[in-house]
Protein backbone atom coordinates (compact mmCIF):
# COMPACT_ATOMS: atom_id res chain seq x y z
CA UNK A 1 -10.58 -21.70 -64.59
CA UNK A 2 -10.71 -17.94 -63.93
CA UNK A 3 -7.87 -15.95 -65.56
CA UNK A 4 -5.41 -14.46 -63.05
CA UNK A 5 -6.39 -10.87 -63.85
CA UNK A 6 -10.11 -11.63 -63.20
CA UNK A 7 -9.95 -13.50 -59.88
CA UNK A 8 -10.06 -12.02 -56.41
CA UNK A 9 -6.64 -11.53 -54.84
CA UNK A 10 -5.42 -14.39 -52.73
CA UNK A 11 -4.63 -13.57 -49.13
CA UNK A 12 -0.91 -14.41 -49.44
CA UNK A 13 -0.51 -12.17 -52.47
CA UNK A 14 -1.96 -9.25 -50.51
CA UNK A 15 0.22 -10.09 -47.49
CA UNK A 16 3.30 -10.10 -49.75
CA UNK A 17 2.28 -6.79 -51.31
CA UNK A 18 1.75 -5.25 -47.85
CA UNK A 19 5.18 -6.46 -46.74
CA UNK A 20 6.75 -5.03 -49.90
CA UNK A 21 5.00 -1.68 -49.36
CA UNK A 22 6.18 -1.54 -45.75
CA UNK A 23 9.74 -2.50 -46.65
CA UNK A 24 10.21 -0.20 -49.65
CA UNK A 25 8.06 2.80 -48.78
CA UNK A 26 6.32 3.02 -45.43
CA UNK A 27 9.41 2.14 -43.37
CA UNK A 28 10.97 5.36 -44.70
CA UNK A 29 8.14 7.39 -43.16
CA UNK A 30 8.72 7.55 -39.43
CA UNK A 31 5.54 9.46 -38.59
CA UNK A 32 2.07 7.93 -38.60
CA UNK A 33 0.62 11.14 -39.96
CA UNK A 34 2.96 11.04 -42.97
CA UNK A 35 1.96 7.44 -43.72
CA UNK A 36 -1.74 8.31 -43.50
CA UNK A 37 -1.35 11.28 -45.85
CA UNK A 38 0.77 9.31 -48.30
CA UNK A 39 -1.61 6.35 -48.44
CA UNK A 40 -4.62 8.64 -48.86
CA UNK A 41 -2.84 10.24 -51.82
CA UNK A 42 -2.71 6.89 -53.62
CA UNK A 43 -6.53 6.71 -53.62
CA UNK A 44 -8.62 8.02 -56.48
CA UNK A 45 -11.10 10.36 -54.80
CA UNK A 46 -13.75 9.66 -57.43
CA UNK A 47 -13.73 5.87 -57.26
CA UNK A 48 -12.14 5.07 -53.91
CA UNK A 49 -9.66 2.71 -55.57
CA UNK A 50 -5.96 2.83 -54.82
CA UNK A 51 -3.21 2.99 -57.43
CA UNK A 52 0.52 2.34 -57.07
CA UNK A 53 2.49 1.63 -60.23
CA UNK A 54 5.30 -0.22 -58.48
CA UNK A 55 3.04 -2.52 -56.48
CA UNK A 56 0.75 -3.09 -59.46
CA UNK A 57 3.64 -4.11 -61.69
CA UNK A 58 4.82 -6.63 -59.08
CA UNK A 59 1.52 -7.97 -57.76
CA UNK A 60 -1.24 -6.81 -60.11
CA UNK A 61 -3.64 -3.90 -59.86
CA UNK A 62 -6.24 -5.61 -57.68
CA UNK A 63 -3.72 -6.95 -55.16
CA UNK A 64 -1.99 -3.56 -55.00
CA UNK A 65 -5.33 -1.83 -54.39
CA UNK A 66 -6.24 -4.20 -51.58
CA UNK A 67 -2.78 -3.91 -49.98
CA UNK A 68 -2.90 -0.10 -50.08
CA UNK A 69 -6.41 -0.05 -48.64
CA UNK A 70 -5.31 -2.33 -45.80
CA UNK A 71 -2.24 -0.23 -45.03
CA UNK A 72 -4.34 2.94 -45.17
CA UNK A 73 -6.73 1.51 -42.58
CA UNK A 74 -3.81 0.42 -40.42
CA UNK A 75 -2.23 3.90 -40.60
CA UNK A 76 -5.54 5.47 -39.58
CA UNK A 77 -5.95 3.10 -36.61
CA UNK A 78 -2.38 3.83 -35.49
CA UNK A 79 -2.88 7.58 -35.69
CA UNK A 80 -6.23 7.60 -33.94
CA UNK A 81 -4.71 5.73 -30.99
CA UNK A 82 -1.88 8.27 -30.68
CA UNK A 83 -2.04 10.48 -27.63
CA UNK A 84 -2.49 14.20 -28.15
CA UNK A 85 1.13 15.06 -27.31
CA UNK A 86 2.34 12.67 -30.01
CA UNK A 87 -0.17 14.04 -32.53
CA UNK A 88 0.97 17.62 -31.86
CA UNK A 89 4.58 16.58 -32.38
CA UNK A 90 3.77 14.69 -35.59
CA UNK A 91 1.76 17.60 -36.95
CA UNK A 92 4.57 20.05 -36.14
CA UNK A 93 7.20 17.80 -37.73
CA UNK A 94 4.99 17.27 -40.77
CA UNK A 95 4.52 21.04 -41.07
CA UNK A 96 8.29 21.48 -40.84
CA UNK A 97 8.80 18.94 -43.66
CA UNK A 98 6.51 21.01 -45.92
CA UNK A 99 8.78 24.06 -45.50
CA UNK A 100 5.76 26.27 -44.88
CA UNK A 101 5.68 28.82 -42.12
CA UNK A 102 3.82 27.79 -38.97
CA UNK A 103 1.30 30.61 -39.38
CA UNK A 104 0.50 29.79 -42.99
CA UNK A 105 0.28 26.06 -42.28
CA UNK A 106 -2.07 26.48 -39.34
CA UNK A 107 -4.29 28.95 -41.23
CA UNK A 108 -4.55 26.69 -44.29
CA UNK A 109 -5.17 23.53 -42.29
CA UNK A 110 -7.91 25.34 -40.39
CA UNK A 111 -9.61 26.74 -43.48
CA UNK A 112 -9.12 23.92 -46.01
CA UNK A 113 -9.11 21.00 -43.55
CA UNK A 114 -7.02 18.79 -45.88
CA UNK A 115 -6.92 16.06 -43.25
CA UNK A 116 -10.56 15.24 -44.05
CA UNK A 117 -9.53 13.48 -47.29
CA UNK A 118 -7.11 11.21 -45.44
CA UNK A 119 -9.81 9.03 -43.91
CA UNK A 120 -10.06 5.50 -45.35
CA UNK A 121 -13.30 4.52 -47.07
CA UNK A 122 -15.68 2.80 -44.69
CA UNK A 123 -14.24 4.41 -41.56
CA UNK A 124 -16.66 4.71 -38.67
CA UNK A 125 -17.90 8.34 -38.74
CA UNK A 126 -17.34 8.72 -35.00
CA UNK A 127 -13.71 7.59 -35.35
CA UNK A 128 -13.21 10.04 -38.21
CA UNK A 129 -14.70 12.89 -36.16
CA UNK A 130 -12.44 11.97 -33.25
CA UNK A 131 -9.38 12.33 -35.45
CA UNK A 132 -10.66 15.62 -36.91
CA UNK A 133 -11.27 16.95 -33.41
CA UNK A 134 -7.82 15.89 -32.24
CA UNK A 135 -6.18 17.55 -35.24
CA UNK A 136 -8.07 20.79 -34.54
CA UNK A 137 -6.89 20.67 -30.93
CA UNK A 138 -3.31 19.95 -32.08
CA UNK A 139 -3.47 22.95 -34.43
CA UNK A 140 -4.69 25.16 -31.56
CA UNK A 141 -1.81 23.94 -29.38
CA UNK A 142 0.71 24.67 -32.13
CA UNK A 143 -0.76 28.14 -32.60
CA UNK A 144 -0.63 28.85 -28.86
CA UNK A 145 2.99 27.70 -28.68
CA UNK A 146 3.84 29.93 -31.62
CA UNK A 147 2.29 32.98 -29.92
CA UNK A 148 3.91 32.27 -26.57
CA UNK A 149 7.45 31.93 -27.90
CA UNK A 150 9.26 35.24 -27.75
CA UNK A 151 10.49 36.62 -31.03
CA UNK A 152 14.20 36.25 -31.52
CA UNK A 153 15.78 39.61 -30.92
CA UNK A 154 19.26 40.98 -30.40
CA UNK A 155 21.22 39.34 -27.61
CA UNK A 156 21.74 41.51 -24.55
């Protein structure tokens, strides 16, 4: 008999962990972009493994890792199927939640491209490039909107 901590996670354990993650954490994130960024942040960039203390304490490290990876893939698929209008809105709302100015946010996202680290491991490169392209377009739209809006001045 294989000890519990050395066997592959059973499907139902992972399903239960996914449900727990959705109920306790992801349901509090209304935007797909926020979920994608959050889930990517639980991944170790050196190993590709996911870590979540709460899930690991309830379900074990391996089950938690598999549940997070599955949710990360799901969040990516949801975001990539979003239309451009929705992506622009999500990006603008996400920017607002960071409390950074629109100009600073757009400049940093253009130069650092932090969205590139949000892609799940094993993602089709074409799908990843599609999301990157859509985010660049969304940033350009936000910048154009920012330039078109008149500055608030004294009321006449």
